Each structure stands twice: as structure tokens, then as C-alpha cells.
Amino acid sequence: MATELVLLSDVPITVDAQRRALQRAEGRGRILEFRGGEFTSLVGADGSHLLTVHAPKVIQLPDEAAAAVVSPPRSFALWTEMTVPFGVPENGYALAEALAAEVGGRIEKRK
């Protein structure tokens, strides 16, 4: 079963930030962009799918957004959904954390 994560941040994820995070977490890999950037798939050097990242959304109702995650930060402006595929989730989690570090955000599990 895939695992749904959320990146809570004030800075949007860009393809460049994803590239830097992929380089740091995996060394090499590819980024596949779909539907004009609506979502991207980050793929390891061995061709394995590591993480899907959806385009960030501006938080309209902070209380509802905070209630949807396990341990929300005090403030955040953007909600970015991520999915770690079934298989070897450790690599996907490490990549998600590297992405969060790129934008000064925080990874949370959805309730």
C-alpha cells in the first residue's frame, strides 16, 4: 500500500528543488513531469519509482488543513501532497525529507 505524506511549507517546491533533493538523497535519478507540472514522479538511477509530488496548494482553511495531519506546525502557507509507492518506502521517505529541507518545510503523515 502506498503511503500518503504532506509537505507543509511557506516556500513552494520547484523542479529545481526536486532535482537538488534527488541528487542529495540518491546521487542520480530522473524527474518525470506530468500535466504541465501538476505532478512529478521522482525515479531512482535504477529506474525505481521513489516518490510522487503534486503541485503545492495554498492553504485556504488553516484549521481544517491542520486537523488533517498528525502533528501540524504552528503556521504554514502551502500544502504539497506526496505519495511514497509500495515497495521499499525508506528511499521515498528519505527523498521526501530531503525535499522538505530544500524549502524549509516539514513532512507529516495524513490522518
N, C-alpha and C. Protein backbone atom coordinates (compact mmCIF):
# COMPACT_ATOMS: atom_id res chain seq x y z
N MET A 1 0.84 -1.17 0.00
CA MET A 1 0.00 0.00 0.00
C MET A 1 0.88 1.24 0.00
N ALA A 2 0.53 2.21 -0.81
CA ALA A 2 1.27 3.47 -0.86
C ALA A 2 1.02 4.27 0.42
N THR A 3 1.96 5.13 0.75
CA THR A 3 1.86 5.98 1.93
C THR A 3 1.69 7.42 1.49
N GLU A 4 0.68 8.08 2.04
CA GLU A 4 0.44 9.48 1.71
C GLU A 4 1.13 10.37 2.74
N LEU A 5 1.90 11.32 2.23
CA LEU A 5 2.59 12.30 3.07
C LEU A 5 2.16 13.69 2.63
N VAL A 6 2.40 14.66 3.49
CA VAL A 6 2.14 16.05 3.16
C VAL A 6 3.36 16.87 3.54
N LEU A 7 3.78 17.73 2.64
CA LEU A 7 4.83 18.70 2.93
C LEU A 7 4.13 20.01 3.27
N LEU A 8 4.36 20.50 4.48
CA LEU A 8 3.81 21.78 4.91
C LEU A 8 4.95 22.78 4.89
N SER A 9 4.77 23.86 4.15
CA SER A 9 5.86 24.82 3.98
C SER A 9 5.31 26.20 3.66
N ASP A 10 6.20 27.16 3.65
CA ASP A 10 5.88 28.51 3.21
C ASP A 10 6.49 28.80 1.84
N VAL A 11 7.33 27.90 1.37
CA VAL A 11 8.03 28.05 0.09
C VAL A 11 7.59 26.90 -0.83
N PRO A 12 7.20 27.20 -2.07
CA PRO A 12 6.76 26.12 -2.96
C PRO A 12 7.92 25.25 -3.45
N ILE A 13 7.59 23.99 -3.68
CA ILE A 13 8.54 23.05 -4.27
C ILE A 13 8.65 23.36 -5.76
N THR A 14 9.86 23.46 -6.25
CA THR A 14 10.10 23.66 -7.68
C THR A 14 10.78 22.41 -8.24
N VAL A 15 10.84 22.31 -9.55
CA VAL A 15 11.55 21.20 -10.16
C VAL A 15 13.03 21.27 -9.80
N ASP A 16 13.59 22.47 -9.72
CA ASP A 16 15.00 22.60 -9.32
C ASP A 16 15.22 22.09 -7.90
N ALA A 17 14.31 22.40 -6.99
CA ALA A 17 14.42 21.90 -5.61
C ALA A 17 14.31 20.38 -5.60
N GLN A 18 13.43 19.83 -6.42
CA GLN A 18 13.29 18.38 -6.51
C GLN A 18 14.58 17.75 -7.04
N ARG A 19 15.17 18.40 -8.03
CA ARG A 19 16.42 17.89 -8.62
C ARG A 19 17.53 17.87 -7.56
N ARG A 20 17.66 18.95 -6.79
CA ARG A 20 18.69 19.00 -5.74
C ARG A 20 18.44 17.94 -4.67
N ALA A 21 17.20 17.77 -4.28
CA ALA A 21 16.87 16.76 -3.27
C ALA A 21 17.15 15.35 -3.78
N LEU A 22 16.80 15.09 -5.03
CA LEU A 22 17.06 13.78 -5.62
C LEU A 22 18.56 13.51 -5.67
N GLN A 23 19.33 14.51 -6.06
CA GLN A 23 20.79 14.39 -6.09
C GLN A 23 21.34 14.07 -4.70
N ARG A 24 20.85 14.78 -3.70
CA ARG A 24 21.34 14.59 -2.34
C ARG A 24 20.93 13.22 -1.77
N ALA A 25 19.69 12.82 -2.03
CA ALA A 25 19.19 11.57 -1.45
C ALA A 25 19.64 10.33 -2.21
N GLU A 26 19.74 10.43 -3.53
CA GLU A 26 20.00 9.25 -4.35
C GLU A 26 21.30 9.31 -5.15
N GLY A 27 21.83 10.49 -5.34
CA GLY A 27 23.02 10.64 -6.18
C GLY A 27 22.66 10.90 -7.62
N ARG A 28 21.78 10.07 -8.17
CA ARG A 28 21.32 10.23 -9.55
C ARG A 28 19.86 9.85 -9.62
N GLY A 29 19.25 10.15 -10.73
CA GLY A 29 17.86 9.79 -10.94
C GLY A 29 17.23 10.70 -11.98
N ARG A 30 15.92 10.55 -12.14
CA ARG A 30 15.20 11.35 -13.13
C ARG A 30 13.94 11.92 -12.50
N ILE A 31 13.50 13.03 -13.06
CA ILE A 31 12.24 13.63 -12.67
C ILE A 31 11.34 13.63 -13.89
N LEU A 32 10.19 13.01 -13.77
CA LEU A 32 9.21 12.95 -14.85
C LEU A 32 8.07 13.89 -14.50
N GLU A 33 7.85 14.87 -15.35
CA GLU A 33 6.82 15.88 -15.09
C GLU A 33 5.59 15.57 -15.93
N PHE A 34 4.41 15.64 -15.31
CA PHE A 34 3.17 15.32 -15.98
C PHE A 34 2.18 16.48 -15.89
N ARG A 35 1.36 16.58 -16.92
CA ARG A 35 0.26 17.54 -16.96
C ARG A 35 0.70 18.95 -16.63
N GLY A 36 1.78 19.37 -17.27
CA GLY A 36 2.25 20.74 -17.11
C GLY A 36 2.72 21.07 -15.71
N GLY A 37 3.23 20.08 -15.00
CA GLY A 37 3.74 20.32 -13.65
C GLY A 37 2.74 20.04 -12.55
N GLU A 38 1.57 19.51 -12.92
CA GLU A 38 0.57 19.19 -11.91
C GLU A 38 1.10 18.17 -10.91
N PHE A 39 1.90 17.23 -11.41
CA PHE A 39 2.61 16.32 -10.51
C PHE A 39 3.86 15.81 -11.19
N THR A 40 4.80 15.37 -10.35
CA THR A 40 6.06 14.81 -10.84
C THR A 40 6.30 13.47 -10.17
N SER A 41 7.01 12.62 -10.87
CA SER A 41 7.47 11.35 -10.30
C SER A 41 8.98 11.40 -10.25
N LEU A 42 9.53 11.09 -9.09
CA LEU A 42 10.97 11.06 -8.91
C LEU A 42 11.40 9.61 -8.96
N VAL A 43 12.34 9.32 -9.85
CA VAL A 43 12.76 7.96 -10.16
C VAL A 43 14.24 7.81 -9.85
N GLY A 44 14.60 6.72 -9.19
CA GLY A 44 16.00 6.46 -8.85
C GLY A 44 16.81 6.07 -10.07
N ALA A 45 18.13 6.02 -9.91
CA ALA A 45 19.04 5.67 -11.00
C ALA A 45 18.75 4.28 -11.55
N ASP A 46 18.21 3.40 -10.70
CA ASP A 46 17.89 2.03 -11.12
C ASP A 46 16.51 1.93 -11.78
N GLY A 47 15.82 3.07 -11.95
CA GLY A 47 14.51 3.07 -12.59
C GLY A 47 13.35 2.88 -11.63
N SER A 48 13.63 2.73 -10.34
CA SER A 48 12.55 2.52 -9.38
C SER A 48 11.85 3.85 -9.05
N HIS A 49 10.54 3.78 -8.97
CA HIS A 49 9.74 4.95 -8.63
C HIS A 49 9.88 5.19 -7.12
N LEU A 50 10.34 6.38 -6.75
CA LEU A 50 10.61 6.70 -5.35
C LEU A 50 9.53 7.54 -4.69
N LEU A 51 9.00 8.51 -5.44
CA LEU A 51 8.09 9.48 -4.83
C LEU A 51 7.30 10.20 -5.92
N THR A 52 6.02 10.44 -5.65
CA THR A 52 5.20 11.30 -6.49
C THR A 52 4.94 12.58 -5.72
N VAL A 53 5.13 13.72 -6.37
CA VAL A 53 4.94 15.02 -5.73
C VAL A 53 3.90 15.80 -6.53
N HIS A 54 2.84 16.22 -5.86
CA HIS A 54 1.80 17.02 -6.50
C HIS A 54 2.11 18.50 -6.35
N ALA A 55 1.57 19.31 -7.23
CA ALA A 55 1.79 20.76 -7.16
C ALA A 55 1.26 21.30 -5.83
N PRO A 56 1.98 22.24 -5.21
CA PRO A 56 1.54 22.80 -3.93
C PRO A 56 0.22 23.56 -4.07
N LYS A 57 -0.55 23.53 -3.00
CA LYS A 57 -1.81 24.26 -2.92
C LYS A 57 -1.71 25.27 -1.79
N VAL A 58 -2.24 26.46 -2.01
CA VAL A 58 -2.28 27.47 -0.97
C VAL A 58 -3.34 27.07 0.05
N ILE A 59 -2.99 27.15 1.32
CA ILE A 59 -3.92 26.80 2.39
C ILE A 59 -4.99 27.89 2.50
N GLN A 60 -6.23 27.51 2.32
CA GLN A 60 -7.35 28.45 2.45
C GLN A 60 -7.97 28.40 3.85
N LEU A 61 -8.02 27.19 4.43
CA LEU A 61 -8.63 26.99 5.75
C LEU A 61 -7.60 26.31 6.65
N PRO A 62 -6.74 27.09 7.32
CA PRO A 62 -5.64 26.53 8.11
C PRO A 62 -6.09 25.52 9.17
N ASP A 63 -7.21 25.76 9.83
CA ASP A 63 -7.66 24.83 10.87
C ASP A 63 -8.02 23.47 10.29
N GLU A 64 -8.67 23.45 9.14
CA GLU A 64 -9.02 22.19 8.50
C GLU A 64 -7.77 21.46 8.02
N ALA A 65 -6.83 22.20 7.46
CA ALA A 65 -5.58 21.59 7.00
C ALA A 65 -4.82 21.01 8.18
N ALA A 66 -4.72 21.74 9.27
CA ALA A 66 -4.00 21.26 10.46
C ALA A 66 -4.66 20.01 11.03
N ALA A 67 -5.98 19.93 10.96
CA ALA A 67 -6.69 18.77 11.50
C ALA A 67 -6.48 17.51 10.65
N ALA A 68 -6.00 17.66 9.43
CA ALA A 68 -5.84 16.52 8.52
C ALA A 68 -4.50 15.81 8.65
N VAL A 69 -3.58 16.37 9.45
CA VAL A 69 -2.27 15.75 9.62
C VAL A 69 -2.03 15.43 11.08
N VAL A 70 -1.08 14.53 11.33
CA VAL A 70 -0.83 14.03 12.68
C VAL A 70 -0.32 15.11 13.61
N SER A 71 0.67 15.87 13.19
CA SER A 71 1.31 16.83 14.09
C SER A 71 1.66 18.12 13.33
N PRO A 72 0.69 18.99 13.09
CA PRO A 72 0.94 20.16 12.26
C PRO A 72 1.83 21.20 12.95
N PRO A 73 2.60 21.94 12.16
CA PRO A 73 3.36 23.06 12.73
C PRO A 73 2.41 24.20 13.06
N ARG A 74 2.92 25.20 13.74
CA ARG A 74 2.08 26.33 14.15
C ARG A 74 1.56 27.13 12.96
N SER A 75 2.38 27.28 11.95
CA SER A 75 1.92 28.01 10.77
C SER A 75 2.55 27.43 9.51
N PHE A 76 1.81 27.52 8.43
CA PHE A 76 2.29 27.09 7.12
C PHE A 76 1.33 27.65 6.09
N ALA A 77 1.82 27.91 4.90
CA ALA A 77 1.01 28.52 3.85
C ALA A 77 0.68 27.56 2.71
N LEU A 78 1.53 26.54 2.53
CA LEU A 78 1.37 25.64 1.38
C LEU A 78 1.23 24.19 1.82
N TRP A 79 0.44 23.46 1.08
CA TRP A 79 0.18 22.04 1.30
C TRP A 79 0.59 21.32 0.03
N THR A 80 1.58 20.42 0.12
CA THR A 80 2.04 19.67 -1.04
C THR A 80 1.87 18.19 -0.75
N GLU A 81 1.00 17.53 -1.50
CA GLU A 81 0.78 16.10 -1.30
C GLU A 81 1.87 15.30 -1.98
N MET A 82 2.29 14.22 -1.30
CA MET A 82 3.31 13.32 -1.82
C MET A 82 2.84 11.89 -1.57
N THR A 83 3.25 10.99 -2.45
CA THR A 83 2.93 9.58 -2.28
C THR A 83 4.21 8.76 -2.41
N VAL A 84 4.46 7.95 -1.39
CA VAL A 84 5.57 7.00 -1.42
C VAL A 84 4.99 5.68 -1.89
N PRO A 85 5.45 5.13 -3.01
CA PRO A 85 4.87 3.89 -3.52
C PRO A 85 5.18 2.68 -2.64
N PHE A 86 4.37 1.66 -2.81
CA PHE A 86 4.60 0.40 -2.11
C PHE A 86 5.92 -0.19 -2.57
N GLY A 87 6.60 -0.85 -1.69
CA GLY A 87 7.87 -1.48 -2.03
C GLY A 87 8.90 -1.21 -0.97
N VAL A 88 9.85 -0.38 -1.28
CA VAL A 88 10.91 -0.02 -0.33
C VAL A 88 10.68 1.45 0.06
N PRO A 89 9.86 1.69 1.08
CA PRO A 89 9.48 3.07 1.40
C PRO A 89 10.59 3.93 1.98
N GLU A 90 11.64 3.32 2.51
CA GLU A 90 12.70 4.11 3.15
C GLU A 90 13.31 5.13 2.19
N ASN A 91 13.53 4.74 0.95
CA ASN A 91 14.11 5.66 -0.03
C ASN A 91 13.15 6.82 -0.32
N GLY A 92 11.88 6.53 -0.43
CA GLY A 92 10.89 7.58 -0.66
C GLY A 92 10.78 8.54 0.50
N TYR A 93 10.81 8.00 1.73
CA TYR A 93 10.77 8.86 2.92
C TYR A 93 12.00 9.75 2.98
N ALA A 94 13.16 9.20 2.70
CA ALA A 94 14.40 9.98 2.72
C ALA A 94 14.34 11.10 1.68
N LEU A 95 13.80 10.80 0.52
CA LEU A 95 13.67 11.81 -0.52
C LEU A 95 12.67 12.89 -0.11
N ALA A 96 11.56 12.50 0.49
CA ALA A 96 10.59 13.49 0.98
C ALA A 96 11.22 14.42 2.00
N GLU A 97 12.01 13.86 2.91
CA GLU A 97 12.69 14.69 3.91
C GLU A 97 13.71 15.62 3.26
N ALA A 98 14.39 15.14 2.22
CA ALA A 98 15.34 16.00 1.50
C ALA A 98 14.61 17.15 0.81
N LEU A 99 13.43 16.87 0.27
CA LEU A 99 12.62 17.93 -0.34
C LEU A 99 12.20 18.96 0.70
N ALA A 100 11.77 18.48 1.86
CA ALA A 100 11.38 19.40 2.94
C ALA A 100 12.54 20.30 3.34
N ALA A 101 13.73 19.73 3.41
CA ALA A 101 14.91 20.52 3.77
C ALA A 101 15.20 21.59 2.72
N GLU A 102 14.93 21.29 1.46
CA GLU A 102 15.17 22.26 0.38
C GLU A 102 14.33 23.53 0.54
N VAL A 103 13.12 23.39 1.10
CA VAL A 103 12.22 24.54 1.20
C VAL A 103 11.95 24.96 2.65
N GLY A 104 12.66 24.37 3.59
CA GLY A 104 12.45 24.72 4.99
C GLY A 104 11.10 24.29 5.51
N GLY A 105 10.58 23.18 4.97
CA GLY A 105 9.26 22.69 5.35
C GLY A 105 9.34 21.48 6.25
N ARG A 106 8.20 20.85 6.42
CA ARG A 106 8.08 19.72 7.32
C ARG A 106 7.18 18.66 6.70
N ILE A 107 7.61 17.40 6.81
CA ILE A 107 6.83 16.26 6.31
C ILE A 107 5.93 15.75 7.43
N GLU A 108 4.67 15.52 7.09
CA GLU A 108 3.70 14.97 8.03
C GLU A 108 2.94 13.84 7.35
N LYS A 109 2.51 12.88 8.16
CA LYS A 109 1.63 11.83 7.65
C LYS A 109 0.19 12.33 7.75
N ARG A 110 -0.60 11.92 6.78
CA ARG A 110 -2.02 12.26 6.82
C ARG A 110 -2.72 11.37 7.82
N LYS A 111 -3.78 11.90 8.40
CA LYS A 111 -4.59 11.09 9.34
C LYS A 111 -5.43 10.11 8.56
